[in-house]
Amino acid sequence: MAQLRREKEDATPLAAQNAQLREALAKLTAVAEKKPDVQTPNQEVLPLVWFDDVPLSDAIVTLARQAADLNVMFDPEVRPRLGSSLSIRLENLTAEAALEAILSTNNLRLVKTPGPTWKRLNDDGTWMPGGFVGITRK
């Protein structure tokens, strides 16, 4: 009887974790299936987006640059969360859709900012290409 009670107690947190994972998967699936209204030529569909145990910040920066040549600036409030590792495999998405999926499942959002207020020079004195975006909490 005691063993059954322990097993029941152990099952409760696992059921909660299972529900969270199912919710995250549902969000990811919804974003992955969402098709853009108008596909511009630079929105190339990527056959496979695969990150295996990489820092979350690296995945975000890589996809932002590939999606629209965007430079990313992270809100100081989200910096502690960016060191966590990410393992994900997405198929047949644009880089922008993959970025939105990763941000959404990590309770982050993309905030587009006016270009001139965020532009800055590279170390070599040249302007950084692309616009700037911020990553903040939802």
Protein backbone atom coordinates (compact mmCIF):
# COMPACT_ATOMS: atom_id res chain seq x y z
CA MET A 1 0.00 0.00 0.00
CA ALA A 2 2.83 2.41 0.89
CA GLN A 3 4.55 1.66 -2.39
CA LEU A 4 1.39 2.53 -4.32
CA ARG A 5 1.11 5.84 -2.45
CA ARG A 6 4.74 6.69 -3.31
CA GLU A 7 4.16 5.83 -6.94
CA LYS A 8 1.06 8.03 -6.98
CA GLU A 9 3.05 10.92 -5.45
CA ASP A 10 5.81 10.44 -8.04
CA ALA A 11 3.27 10.42 -10.87
CA THR A 12 1.84 13.86 -10.05
CA PRO A 13 4.91 15.96 -11.01
CA LEU A 14 5.45 13.77 -14.07
CA ALA A 15 1.88 14.40 -15.21
CA ALA A 16 2.38 18.16 -14.80
CA GLN A 17 5.63 18.04 -16.77
CA ASN A 18 3.93 15.97 -19.46
CA ALA A 19 1.17 18.59 -19.75
CA GLN A 20 3.77 21.37 -20.14
CA LEU A 21 5.60 19.44 -22.84
CA ARG A 22 2.36 18.76 -24.71
CA GLU A 23 1.48 22.46 -24.56
CA ALA A 24 4.91 23.47 -25.87
CA LEU A 25 4.63 20.90 -28.66
CA ALA A 26 1.18 22.22 -29.59
CA LYS A 27 2.55 25.79 -29.79
CA LEU A 28 5.49 24.65 -31.87
CA THR A 29 3.26 22.68 -34.22
CA ALA A 30 0.89 25.64 -34.63
CA VAL A 31 3.76 27.98 -35.49
CA ALA A 32 5.34 25.41 -37.80
CA GLU A 33 2.10 24.89 -39.73
CA LYS A 34 1.37 28.62 -39.99
CA LYS A 35 2.19 29.70 -43.51
CA PRO A 36 3.10 33.28 -44.37
CA ASP A 37 0.45 35.23 -46.28
CA VAL A 38 2.92 36.52 -48.83
CA GLN A 39 6.20 34.78 -49.38
CA THR A 40 8.90 37.12 -50.54
CA PRO A 41 11.90 35.85 -52.50
CA ASN A 42 14.25 36.07 -49.49
CA GLN A 43 11.99 33.80 -47.41
CA GLU A 44 13.57 30.58 -48.55
CA VAL A 45 12.04 27.41 -47.10
CA LEU A 46 14.70 25.49 -45.23
CA PRO A 47 14.34 21.72 -45.55
CA LEU A 48 15.86 21.16 -42.09
CA VAL A 49 16.65 23.37 -39.10
CA TRP A 50 18.49 21.32 -36.53
CA PHE A 51 20.12 22.59 -33.36
CA ASP A 52 21.62 19.98 -31.06
CA ASP A 53 22.57 21.16 -27.57
CA VAL A 54 23.51 24.73 -28.57
CA PRO A 55 23.05 27.85 -26.44
CA LEU A 56 19.63 29.44 -26.99
CA SER A 57 21.25 32.78 -27.82
CA ASP A 58 23.32 31.24 -30.65
CA ALA A 59 20.23 29.66 -32.23
CA ILE A 60 18.33 32.96 -32.06
CA VAL A 61 21.17 34.99 -33.56
CA THR A 62 21.75 32.46 -36.35
CA LEU A 63 18.10 32.36 -37.39
CA ALA A 64 17.65 36.15 -37.12
CA ARG A 65 20.60 36.75 -39.42
CA GLN A 66 19.41 34.14 -41.90
CA ALA A 67 15.77 35.28 -41.78
CA ALA A 68 16.28 38.91 -42.73
CA ASP A 69 19.87 39.88 -42.01
CA LEU A 70 18.82 41.14 -38.56
CA ASN A 71 21.15 42.05 -35.73
CA VAL A 72 19.86 40.93 -32.34
CA MET A 73 20.00 42.84 -29.07
CA PHE A 74 18.88 40.95 -25.97
CA ASP A 75 16.92 42.61 -23.19
CA PRO A 76 19.03 42.40 -20.00
CA GLU A 77 16.07 40.76 -18.29
CA VAL A 78 16.28 37.70 -20.56
CA ARG A 79 20.07 37.29 -20.57
CA PRO A 80 20.14 34.70 -17.73
CA ARG A 81 17.82 32.43 -19.74
CA LEU A 82 19.94 32.59 -22.89
CA GLY A 83 22.65 30.28 -21.57
CA SER A 84 20.29 27.32 -21.52
CA SER A 85 20.88 24.76 -24.23
CA LEU A 86 18.49 24.08 -27.07
CA SER A 87 17.93 20.88 -29.02
CA ILE A 88 15.31 21.14 -31.75
CA ARG A 89 14.62 19.77 -35.20
CA LEU A 90 12.24 21.59 -37.55
CA GLU A 91 11.47 20.73 -41.15
CA ASN A 92 10.27 22.75 -44.15
CA LEU A 93 10.09 26.18 -42.51
CA THR A 94 11.46 29.57 -43.32
CA ALA A 95 14.17 30.87 -41.01
CA GLU A 96 11.69 33.46 -39.74
CA ALA A 97 9.08 30.81 -38.87
CA ALA A 98 11.73 28.70 -37.13
CA LEU A 99 12.84 31.77 -35.16
CA GLU A 100 9.25 32.53 -34.12
CA ALA A 101 8.76 28.90 -33.04
CA ILE A 102 11.88 28.91 -30.87
CA LEU A 103 11.03 32.29 -29.33
CA SER A 104 7.44 31.28 -28.64
CA THR A 105 8.36 28.02 -26.90
CA ASN A 106 10.81 29.91 -24.68
CA ASN A 107 8.33 32.69 -23.76
CA LEU A 108 10.29 35.27 -25.73
CA ARG A 109 9.24 37.68 -28.45
CA LEU A 110 10.85 39.63 -31.25
CA VAL A 111 10.54 43.42 -31.06
CA LYS A 112 11.42 45.25 -34.24
CA THR A 113 12.94 48.64 -33.56
CA PRO A 114 13.56 51.61 -35.83
CA GLY A 115 16.85 51.14 -37.64
CA PRO A 116 18.59 54.48 -37.06
CA THR A 117 18.22 54.44 -33.28
CA TRP A 118 19.94 51.06 -32.99
CA LYS A 119 22.60 51.25 -35.70
CA ARG A 120 26.19 51.23 -34.54
CA LEU A 121 29.63 50.83 -36.00
CA ASN A 122 31.57 47.58 -36.12
CA ASP A 123 35.00 47.48 -34.50
CA ASP A 124 36.57 48.20 -37.88
CA GLY A 125 34.52 51.40 -38.37
CA THR A 126 31.99 50.00 -40.86
CA TRP A 127 28.25 50.01 -40.27
CA MET A 128 26.65 46.74 -39.18
CA PRO A 129 24.42 45.36 -41.97
CA GLY A 130 20.69 44.83 -41.55
CA GLY A 131 18.17 46.19 -39.13
CA PHE A 132 18.13 45.63 -35.41
CA VAL A 133 15.62 43.69 -33.37
CA GLY A 134 15.24 43.19 -29.65
CA ILE A 135 14.42 39.97 -27.83
CA THR A 136 12.26 40.45 -24.72
CA ARG A 137 9.93 38.43 -22.51
CA LYS A 138 6.36 37.82 -23.62
